[in-house]
């Protein structure tokens, strides 16, 4: 019965927008609409097209693929024909601003979104842009510069004529909605408790009440009204640096977050700021510099990461962020939706703190949930209870993983950093089916639509699927 109900829920919600955004229908990573290949290999592709460098995933209309990329001097948006991979057009952003980013990040890490005709893209080095199906620019909205320690990474989504964009950063984090027709600001809500995070929001439409934008951030998950950005509820109890996308199934939300220091073994309880100053502020300026902080208060933690204003000293706000980080919790959680206010104590269904990936999001598929972590460690657990069903390594794929798992046709597709791409038979007793080496790094989450799989590996975009 659970399977039937889940499939009915999925059928009623998941295909309304196709694979138009990062990780497909409302971020689920699932398309069960058609048969899919049992194995993926470069020499079995229907077509392959050379592309600019980038780590974003494609977004699809019925006949077009939208993709972002970059070269040494430009931020690029392109359209390809879905049937052949032929490049239809390629456009350059009006300008390019270089910002600090992690070596694993990219100037084109945010995935585009489409309303089925037009495309909307975000670059941390520029802001938001929209192009029509013919490649003509519709509007532009410069944003930034941003103060994200590792660079920007969240992707825009399209819903009800709005483009929603989460811009979490070390100073001035916010979520905003702009009119998809002209880029005009509709609302903007500040997120003062958030620092550098990278999650793309999802939408919840309850039977009663307003539609919600759910946007995880540092230490918490927060919901806002879609129509005006008013905060509705928040749940506290995750890591300070969040990366994956939440998944909604019925009235449940699943989310996982991991960051350095979020394990019990590395937890560190620190004094309040006033006491810290009394013990460490040698020069009496009311701030704590890197030279002043005792070694036992800063094990394995770069001072600059919590120096939000980059002045070489921590103020009370920065100390508070740091102390929260040292007591944050890596976890996969399942929450009951429908609350208001602080729902931490009232809406937690289960919380699991083992087998945590660094980046890939949780996959919920056919009554089970799945996580893939570095080393090819793959875990299935009961979506109802959080109990582990099976854990093991994917043979021949002992890789690091940054792309999130996707599923369809009873199969799960996993893509590793070094180009090891695996197909796994889904289920409580999951089983690897095939692994192939593409010879190029894979960071972009694969795309599934209408019996086709699109995979970005290095500077190539592949299409797979049977005739």
Protein backbone atom coordinates (compact mmCIF):
# COMPACT_ATOMS: atom_id res chain seq x y z
CA UNK A 1 0.00 0.00 0.00
CA UNK A 2 2.83 2.44 0.83
CA UNK A 3 4.25 1.98 -2.67
CA UNK A 4 0.88 2.66 -4.33
CA UNK A 5 0.30 5.81 -2.28
CA UNK A 6 3.82 7.07 -2.95
CA UNK A 7 3.46 6.47 -6.69
CA UNK A 8 0.11 8.27 -6.77
CA UNK A 9 1.59 11.23 -4.93
CA UNK A 10 4.52 11.23 -7.30
CA UNK A 11 2.31 11.02 -10.37
CA UNK A 12 0.24 13.98 -9.19
CA UNK A 13 3.17 16.29 -8.54
CA UNK A 14 6.46 15.19 -10.04
CA UNK A 15 5.86 15.52 -13.77
CA UNK A 16 4.28 18.96 -13.78
CA UNK A 17 7.56 20.68 -14.59
CA UNK A 18 9.64 17.89 -16.13
CA UNK A 19 13.38 18.19 -15.54
CA UNK A 20 13.28 21.96 -15.71
CA UNK A 21 15.51 22.75 -12.73
CA UNK A 22 18.38 21.39 -10.67
CA UNK A 23 17.64 17.77 -9.77
CA UNK A 24 14.39 17.68 -11.69
CA UNK A 25 10.80 17.78 -10.44
CA UNK A 26 10.86 19.89 -7.26
CA UNK A 27 14.39 18.64 -6.58
CA UNK A 28 13.40 14.97 -6.14
CA UNK A 29 15.95 13.54 -8.57
CA UNK A 30 13.37 11.04 -9.87
CA UNK A 31 11.75 10.37 -13.27
CA UNK A 32 9.90 7.05 -13.53
CA UNK A 33 8.22 7.82 -16.85
CA UNK A 34 10.09 5.42 -19.17
CA UNK A 35 12.58 2.57 -19.43
CA UNK A 36 16.20 3.54 -18.82
CA UNK A 37 19.57 1.94 -19.67
CA UNK A 38 21.06 -0.75 -17.43
CA UNK A 39 24.55 0.68 -18.01
CA UNK A 40 26.13 3.94 -19.14
CA UNK A 41 29.39 4.11 -21.09
CA UNK A 42 30.89 6.77 -23.33
CA UNK A 43 30.89 4.52 -26.38
CA UNK A 44 27.16 3.73 -25.99
CA UNK A 45 25.94 7.33 -26.07
CA UNK A 46 23.32 8.41 -28.58
CA UNK A 47 25.33 11.57 -29.03
CA UNK A 48 28.09 13.59 -27.38
CA UNK A 49 28.67 17.35 -27.66
CA UNK A 50 31.73 19.32 -26.62
CA UNK A 51 30.80 22.03 -24.10
CA UNK A 52 32.53 24.81 -22.16
CA UNK A 53 33.82 23.96 -18.71
CA UNK A 54 31.33 24.07 -15.85
CA UNK A 55 29.73 22.02 -13.07
CA UNK A 56 26.08 22.92 -13.53
CA UNK A 57 23.44 20.41 -14.60
CA UNK A 58 21.26 20.86 -17.70
CA UNK A 59 17.65 22.04 -17.61
CA UNK A 60 15.22 20.72 -20.23
CA UNK A 61 12.20 21.78 -22.23
CA UNK A 62 10.41 19.35 -24.56
CA UNK A 63 13.02 19.84 -27.28
CA UNK A 64 15.84 21.98 -25.84
CA UNK A 65 18.67 21.56 -23.36
CA UNK A 66 19.92 24.65 -21.51
CA UNK A 67 23.38 24.62 -19.98
CA UNK A 68 25.81 27.12 -18.45
CA UNK A 69 29.59 27.18 -18.64
CA UNK A 70 32.62 29.41 -18.71
CA UNK A 71 35.87 29.93 -20.50
CA UNK A 72 38.89 31.96 -19.43
CA UNK A 73 37.11 35.29 -19.83
CA UNK A 74 33.35 34.73 -20.18
CA UNK A 75 30.26 33.38 -18.43
CA UNK A 76 28.24 31.41 -20.96
CA UNK A 77 24.68 30.17 -21.50
CA UNK A 78 23.89 27.79 -24.34
CA UNK A 79 20.98 25.89 -25.88
CA UNK A 80 21.26 22.47 -27.52
CA UNK A 81 18.82 20.34 -29.48
CA UNK A 82 17.67 17.41 -27.33
CA UNK A 83 17.46 14.98 -30.23
CA UNK A 84 20.90 15.59 -31.71
CA UNK A 85 23.00 17.59 -29.24
CA UNK A 86 23.50 20.30 -31.86
CA UNK A 87 24.32 23.69 -30.33
CA UNK A 88 21.48 26.08 -31.21
CA UNK A 89 22.90 29.23 -29.66
CA UNK A 90 25.47 30.46 -27.18
CA UNK A 91 25.34 33.72 -25.24
CA UNK A 92 27.82 35.62 -23.06
CA UNK A 93 26.92 37.37 -19.80
CA UNK A 94 27.34 41.18 -19.93
CA UNK A 95 30.28 41.05 -17.52
CA UNK A 96 32.29 38.67 -15.36
CA UNK A 97 33.41 39.34 -11.79
CA UNK A 98 36.00 37.07 -10.23
CA UNK A 99 35.19 36.03 -6.66
CA UNK A 100 36.90 33.80 -4.12
CA UNK A 101 35.85 30.17 -4.45
CA UNK A 102 36.87 26.68 -3.42
CA UNK A 103 39.01 24.75 -5.89
CA UNK A 104 36.13 22.29 -6.37
CA UNK A 105 33.66 25.06 -7.18
CA UNK A 106 33.15 26.65 -10.58
CA UNK A 107 32.11 29.95 -12.10
CA UNK A 108 29.28 27.93 -13.65
CA UNK A 109 28.13 25.71 -10.80
CA UNK A 110 24.54 27.00 -10.55
CA UNK A 111 22.15 25.12 -12.82
CA UNK A 112 19.71 26.94 -15.11
CA UNK A 113 15.93 26.70 -14.79
CA UNK A 114 13.31 26.95 -17.53
CA UNK A 115 9.60 27.68 -17.63
CA UNK A 116 9.27 25.40 -20.65
CA UNK A 117 10.19 28.15 -23.08
CA UNK A 118 12.56 30.71 -21.58
CA UNK A 119 15.69 30.04 -19.53
CA UNK A 120 16.91 31.72 -16.33
CA UNK A 121 20.52 31.50 -15.16
CA UNK A 122 22.54 32.66 -12.17
CA UNK A 123 26.27 33.30 -12.06
CA UNK A 124 27.99 34.24 -8.81
CA UNK A 125 30.19 36.48 -10.93
CA UNK A 126 27.27 38.43 -12.40
CA UNK A 127 23.74 37.75 -11.11
CA UNK A 128 20.53 36.66 -12.84
CA UNK A 129 19.85 36.62 -16.58
CA UNK A 130 16.96 35.44 -18.72
CA UNK A 131 16.99 34.45 -22.40
CA UNK A 132 14.15 33.56 -24.73
CA UNK A 133 14.02 30.32 -26.74
CA UNK A 134 15.81 32.09 -29.59
CA UNK A 135 18.66 33.22 -27.35
CA UNK A 136 17.58 36.86 -27.20
CA UNK A 137 18.15 38.42 -23.79
CA UNK A 138 14.87 39.12 -21.98
CA UNK A 139 16.22 40.81 -18.85
CA UNK A 140 19.25 41.07 -16.59
CA UNK A 141 19.60 41.62 -12.85
CA UNK A 142 23.18 42.16 -11.60
CA UNK A 143 23.74 40.93 -8.03
CA UNK A 144 26.70 40.87 -5.68
CA UNK A 145 29.56 41.01 -5.09
CA UNK A 146 29.08 38.11 -2.73
CA UNK A 147 30.96 37.24 0.45
CA UNK A 148 30.74 33.46 0.23
CA UNK A 149 33.91 31.79 1.55
CA UNK A 150 33.77 29.02 -1.08
CA UNK A 151 31.90 30.86 -3.84
CA UNK A 152 28.22 30.67 -4.76
CA UNK A 153 26.49 27.41 -5.66
CA UNK A 154 22.69 27.52 -5.25
CA UNK A 155 20.49 27.44 -8.36
CA UNK A 156 17.37 29.46 -9.20
CA UNK A 157 13.95 27.82 -9.43
CA UNK A 158 10.83 28.85 -11.36
CA UNK A 159 7.38 28.70 -9.77
CA UNK A 160 4.10 30.50 -10.44
CA UNK A 161 5.69 33.15 -12.63
CA UNK A 162 8.46 33.84 -10.13
CA UNK A 163 12.18 33.14 -10.05
CA UNK A 164 13.31 32.25 -6.52
CA UNK A 165 16.98 32.65 -5.66
CA UNK A 166 18.72 31.93 -2.35
CA UNK A 167 21.92 33.95 -1.86
CA UNK A 168 23.47 32.71 1.36
CA UNK A 169 26.81 34.32 2.15
CA UNK A 170 28.94 35.37 5.10
CA UNK A 171 27.39 38.85 5.26
CA UNK A 172 23.98 39.87 3.99
CA UNK A 173 22.39 36.49 3.18
CA UNK A 174 18.91 36.67 1.64
CA UNK A 175 16.25 34.87 -0.39
CA UNK A 176 14.43 36.74 -3.14
CA UNK A 177 11.64 36.43 -5.69
CA UNK A 178 11.68 38.28 -9.00
CA UNK A 179 9.08 38.47 -11.74
CA UNK A 180 9.98 35.92 -14.42
CA UNK A 181 8.58 38.25 -17.08
CA UNK A 182 10.88 41.22 -16.47
CA UNK A 183 13.20 40.49 -13.52
CA UNK A 184 11.50 43.06 -11.25
CA UNK A 185 11.95 42.40 -7.54
CA UNK A 186 8.77 41.04 -5.94
CA UNK A 187 10.12 40.42 -2.45
CA UNK A 188 13.37 39.94 -0.60
CA UNK A 189 13.76 38.41 2.87
CA UNK A 190 17.00 38.70 4.80
CA UNK A 191 18.57 35.59 6.36
CA UNK A 192 20.86 37.11 9.01
CA UNK A 193 21.66 33.80 10.74
CA UNK A 194 22.98 32.20 7.54
CA UNK A 195 26.57 32.06 6.32
CA UNK A 196 28.05 30.32 3.28
CA UNK A 197 25.63 27.65 2.08
CA UNK A 198 24.66 26.22 -1.30
CA UNK A 199 21.19 24.68 -1.27
CA UNK A 200 18.56 25.14 -3.96
CA UNK A 201 15.06 25.60 -2.50
CA UNK A 202 12.00 23.39 -2.97
CA UNK A 203 8.28 24.17 -2.96
CA UNK A 204 5.62 22.75 -0.64
CA UNK A 205 1.92 23.15 -1.45
CA UNK A 206 -0.17 22.13 1.56
CA UNK A 207 -3.85 21.26 1.20
CA UNK A 208 -4.62 24.31 3.34
CA UNK A 209 -2.51 27.43 3.62
CA UNK A 210 -0.08 29.28 1.36
CA UNK A 211 2.53 27.66 -0.86
CA UNK A 212 5.95 27.55 0.81
CA UNK A 213 9.53 28.11 -0.31
CA UNK A 214 11.69 25.81 1.83
CA UNK A 215 15.30 26.92 1.97
CA UNK A 216 17.78 25.15 4.28
CA UNK A 217 20.69 27.23 5.57
CA UNK A 218 23.25 27.33 8.36
CA UNK A 219 22.10 25.20 11.31
CA UNK A 220 18.45 25.23 10.24
CA UNK A 221 15.73 24.75 7.64
CA UNK A 222 13.45 27.73 7.04
CA UNK A 223 10.13 28.06 5.20
CA UNK A 224 8.78 31.26 3.62
CA UNK A 225 5.48 32.16 1.99
CA UNK A 226 5.85 31.97 -1.77
CA UNK A 227 3.65 35.00 -2.34
CA UNK A 228 5.41 37.51 -0.06
CA UNK A 229 8.53 35.95 1.55
CA UNK A 230 7.15 35.99 5.11
CA UNK A 231 8.80 33.38 7.34
CA UNK A 232 6.44 30.55 8.33
CA UNK A 233 8.55 28.09 10.32
CA UNK A 234 12.07 26.97 11.06
CA UNK A 235 13.67 23.76 12.29
CA UNK A 236 17.08 23.81 14.00
CA UNK A 237 19.62 21.03 14.32
CA UNK A 238 21.88 20.55 11.27
CA UNK A 239 25.37 21.49 10.14
CA UNK A 240 26.49 25.10 9.61
CA UNK A 241 27.34 24.62 5.92
CA UNK A 242 24.54 23.01 3.90
CA UNK A 243 24.87 21.82 0.32
CA UNK A 244 22.25 19.28 -0.73
CA UNK A 245 18.66 19.86 -1.80
CA UNK A 246 15.67 18.92 0.34
CA UNK A 247 13.21 16.30 -0.91
CA UNK A 248 9.46 16.41 -0.25
CA UNK A 249 7.33 13.27 -0.32
CA UNK A 250 3.73 13.88 0.70
CA UNK A 251 3.82 15.78 4.00
CA UNK A 252 7.40 14.78 4.81
CA UNK A 253 10.64 16.59 4.11
CA UNK A 254 14.02 14.83 3.92
CA UNK A 255 17.34 16.64 4.09
CA UNK A 256 20.99 15.87 4.82
CA UNK A 257 23.85 18.19 5.74
CA UNK A 258 27.49 17.63 6.58
CA UNK A 259 30.34 19.98 7.43
CA UNK A 260 33.71 19.74 9.17
CA UNK A 261 33.31 19.65 12.94
CA UNK A 262 29.76 18.30 12.91
CA UNK A 263 30.54 14.94 14.50
CA UNK A 264 30.34 14.22 18.21
CA UNK A 265 34.07 13.48 18.34
CA UNK A 266 34.88 17.00 17.14
CA UNK A 267 32.27 18.87 19.14
CA UNK A 268 33.69 21.73 21.21
CA UNK A 269 31.71 23.71 23.78
CA UNK A 270 33.12 27.24 24.05
CA UNK A 271 32.48 30.12 26.47
CA UNK A 272 30.23 33.09 25.81
CA UNK A 273 31.90 36.08 24.13
CA UNK A 274 32.34 38.09 27.32
CA UNK A 275 34.19 35.24 28.99
CA UNK A 276 36.22 34.61 25.84
CA UNK A 277 37.34 38.24 25.85
CA UNK A 278 38.28 38.06 29.51
CA UNK A 279 40.47 35.05 28.83
CA UNK A 280 41.89 35.83 25.40
CA UNK A 281 41.67 39.55 24.50
CA UNK A 282 45.27 40.43 25.33
CA UNK A 283 45.22 43.90 23.76
CA UNK A 284 41.84 44.83 25.24
CA UNK A 285 40.27 45.98 21.97
CA UNK A 286 37.05 43.97 22.47
CA UNK A 287 37.89 41.62 19.61
CA UNK A 288 39.69 38.29 19.28
CA UNK A 289 42.50 38.02 16.75
CA UNK A 290 43.98 34.83 15.36
CA UNK A 291 47.09 35.34 17.50
CA UNK A 292 45.01 35.69 20.65
CA UNK A 293 42.77 32.64 20.35
CA UNK A 294 44.08 29.65 22.37
CA UNK A 295 44.98 26.56 20.35
CA UNK A 296 42.47 24.44 22.26
CA UNK A 297 39.65 26.72 21.04
CA UNK A 298 40.51 26.36 17.36
CA UNK A 299 41.51 22.79 16.49
CA UNK A 300 41.54 22.03 12.74
CA UNK A 301 39.52 25.14 11.90
CA UNK A 302 40.73 27.99 9.66
CA UNK A 303 40.30 31.33 11.43
CA UNK A 304 39.47 33.11 8.16
CA UNK A 305 36.37 31.01 7.54
CA UNK A 306 34.53 32.64 10.46
CA UNK A 307 36.11 36.07 9.97
CA UNK A 308 32.99 37.17 8.12
CA UNK A 309 34.07 40.78 7.50
CA UNK A 310 37.67 39.72 6.76
CA UNK A 311 39.26 42.29 9.08
CA UNK A 312 41.52 39.77 10.81
CA UNK A 313 39.54 39.71 14.09
CA UNK A 314 36.37 38.12 15.45
CA UNK A 315 33.61 40.27 16.89
CA UNK A 316 30.71 38.97 18.99
CA UNK A 317 28.65 37.91 15.96
CA UNK A 318 31.57 36.04 14.43
CA UNK A 319 32.34 34.35 17.76
CA UNK A 320 28.71 33.25 18.00
CA UNK A 321 28.85 31.78 14.49
CA UNK A 322 32.04 29.93 15.39
CA UNK A 323 30.67 28.51 18.64
CA UNK A 324 27.52 27.36 16.81
CA UNK A 325 29.70 25.67 14.23
CA UNK A 326 31.60 23.72 16.90
CA UNK A 327 28.34 22.34 18.30
CA UNK A 328 26.55 21.80 14.97
CA UNK A 329 25.35 18.36 13.96
CA UNK A 330 25.85 16.43 10.75
CA UNK A 331 22.55 14.66 10.13
CA UNK A 332 19.98 13.29 7.75
CA UNK A 333 16.53 14.27 8.97
CA UNK A 334 12.89 13.56 8.22
CA UNK A 335 10.42 16.25 9.24
CA UNK A 336 6.65 16.45 9.22
CA UNK A 337 5.52 19.51 7.29
CA UNK A 338 2.65 21.81 8.20
CA UNK A 339 3.99 23.59 11.28
CA UNK A 340 4.44 27.23 12.24
CA UNK A 341 7.12 28.95 14.30
CA UNK A 342 9.95 26.88 15.74
CA UNK A 343 9.07 23.25 14.92
CA UNK A 344 12.32 21.64 16.10
CA UNK A 345 10.75 19.83 19.03
CA UNK A 346 7.37 19.10 17.44
CA UNK A 347 7.93 18.02 13.85
CA UNK A 348 11.02 15.79 13.87
CA UNK A 349 10.11 12.27 12.74
CA UNK A 350 13.62 10.84 12.77
CA UNK A 351 17.23 11.99 12.69
CA UNK A 352 20.22 9.91 11.57
CA UNK A 353 23.82 10.96 12.18
CA UNK A 354 25.78 8.21 10.43
CA UNK A 355 26.87 7.46 6.85
CA UNK A 356 26.82 11.15 5.90
CA UNK A 357 27.93 12.37 2.47
CA UNK A 358 29.75 15.67 2.22
CA UNK A 359 27.77 17.10 -0.70
CA UNK A 360 25.26 14.76 -2.47
CA UNK A 361 21.60 15.12 -1.50
CA UNK A 362 19.43 12.34 -0.18
CA UNK A 363 17.42 10.34 -2.74
CA UNK A 364 13.96 9.11 -1.73
CA UNK A 365 12.67 6.45 -4.09
CA UNK A 366 10.08 3.70 -3.73
CA UNK A 367 9.83 3.67 0.08
CA UNK A 368 13.59 3.80 0.64
CA UNK A 369 16.04 6.66 1.02
CA UNK A 370 19.64 6.53 -0.21
CA UNK A 371 22.93 8.30 0.48
CA UNK A 372 26.21 8.06 -1.44
CA UNK A 373 29.40 9.23 0.28
CA UNK A 374 33.08 9.38 -0.57
CA UNK A 375 34.69 6.00 -1.00
CA UNK A 376 31.65 4.70 -2.88
CA UNK A 377 29.83 3.91 0.38
CA UNK A 378 26.15 3.52 -0.48
CA UNK A 379 23.43 3.30 2.17
CA UNK A 380 19.74 2.48 1.88
CA UNK A 381 17.46 3.17 4.81
CA UNK A 382 13.74 2.96 5.51
CA UNK A 383 12.13 6.26 4.55
CA UNK A 384 9.49 5.83 7.27
CA UNK A 385 11.79 5.10 10.20
CA UNK A 386 15.35 5.97 9.20
CA UNK A 387 16.50 2.41 9.97
CA UNK A 388 19.44 1.26 7.86
CA UNK A 389 18.44 -1.45 5.38
CA UNK A 390 21.76 -2.08 3.65
CA UNK A 391 25.16 -0.45 3.47
CA UNK A 392 28.16 -1.33 1.32
CA UNK A 393 30.64 -0.10 -1.24
CA UNK A 394 29.85 0.19 -4.92
CA UNK A 395 32.29 -2.18 -6.55
CA UNK A 396 34.66 -0.59 -9.05
CA UNK A 397 33.53 2.91 -7.96
CA UNK A 398 35.58 3.81 -4.88
CA UNK A 399 35.44 7.47 -5.86
CA UNK A 400 34.64 10.83 -4.28
CA UNK A 401 31.06 11.97 -4.93
CA UNK A 402 29.75 15.50 -5.50
CA UNK A 403 26.89 14.80 -7.93
CA UNK A 404 23.64 13.77 -6.26
CA UNK A 405 22.02 10.38 -7.00
CA UNK A 406 19.05 10.25 -9.38
CA UNK A 407 16.61 7.43 -10.11
CA UNK A 408 14.07 6.00 -12.53
CA UNK A 409 12.85 2.68 -13.90
CA UNK A 410 13.92 0.89 -10.71
CA UNK A 411 17.53 2.04 -11.11
CA UNK A 412 19.74 4.55 -9.34
CA UNK A 413 22.48 6.43 -11.19
CA UNK A 414 25.64 7.51 -9.35
CA UNK A 415 28.45 9.65 -10.78
CA UNK A 416 31.85 10.02 -9.11
CA UNK A 417 34.38 12.82 -9.32
CA UNK A 418 36.89 10.83 -11.37
CA UNK A 419 34.28 9.83 -13.93
CA UNK A 420 33.19 6.48 -12.49
CA UNK A 421 29.47 6.21 -13.31
CA UNK A 422 27.44 3.37 -11.80
CA UNK A 423 23.95 1.95 -12.19
CA UNK A 424 22.45 0.33 -9.09
CA UNK A 425 19.29 -1.75 -8.86
CA UNK A 426 17.10 0.07 -6.32
CA UNK A 427 15.62 -1.56 -3.25
CA UNK A 428 16.24 -2.54 0.34
CA UNK A 429 18.73 -5.11 -0.94
CA UNK A 430 20.21 -2.86 -3.63
CA UNK A 431 22.72 -4.34 -6.02
CA UNK A 432 25.29 -2.78 -8.40
CA UNK A 433 24.51 -3.48 -12.05
CA UNK A 434 27.32 -1.77 -13.97
CA UNK A 435 30.13 0.79 -13.67
CA UNK A 436 31.99 2.58 -16.47
CA UNK A 437 34.92 4.99 -16.46
CA UNK A 438 34.27 8.12 -18.53
CA UNK A 439 37.82 9.38 -18.11
CA UNK A 440 36.66 12.92 -17.24
CA UNK A 441 35.61 14.39 -13.89
CA UNK A 442 31.90 14.46 -13.06
CA UNK A 443 30.52 17.05 -10.65
CA UNK A 444 27.15 17.77 -12.29
CA UNK A 445 24.13 15.78 -11.19
CA UNK A 446 22.80 13.65 -14.09
CA UNK A 447 19.46 14.46 -15.72
CA UNK A 448 16.67 11.98 -16.53
CA UNK A 449 13.72 12.71 -18.82
CA UNK A 450 11.50 10.63 -21.12
CA UNK A 451 13.81 7.62 -21.22
CA UNK A 452 16.93 9.71 -21.79
CA UNK A 453 19.85 10.37 -19.43
CA UNK A 454 22.08 13.41 -19.88
CA UNK A 455 25.51 13.33 -18.24
CA UNK A 456 28.06 16.14 -18.09
CA UNK A 457 31.62 14.85 -17.79
CA UNK A 458 34.48 17.32 -18.11
CA UNK A 459 33.91 19.35 -21.27
CA UNK A 460 31.40 16.90 -22.76
CA UNK A 461 27.64 16.41 -22.55
CA UNK A 462 26.40 12.86 -23.28
CA UNK A 463 22.91 11.62 -24.08
CA UNK A 464 21.92 7.98 -23.38
CA UNK A 465 18.75 6.00 -24.02
CA UNK A 466 17.28 3.23 -26.09
CA UNK A 467 15.55 3.81 -29.42
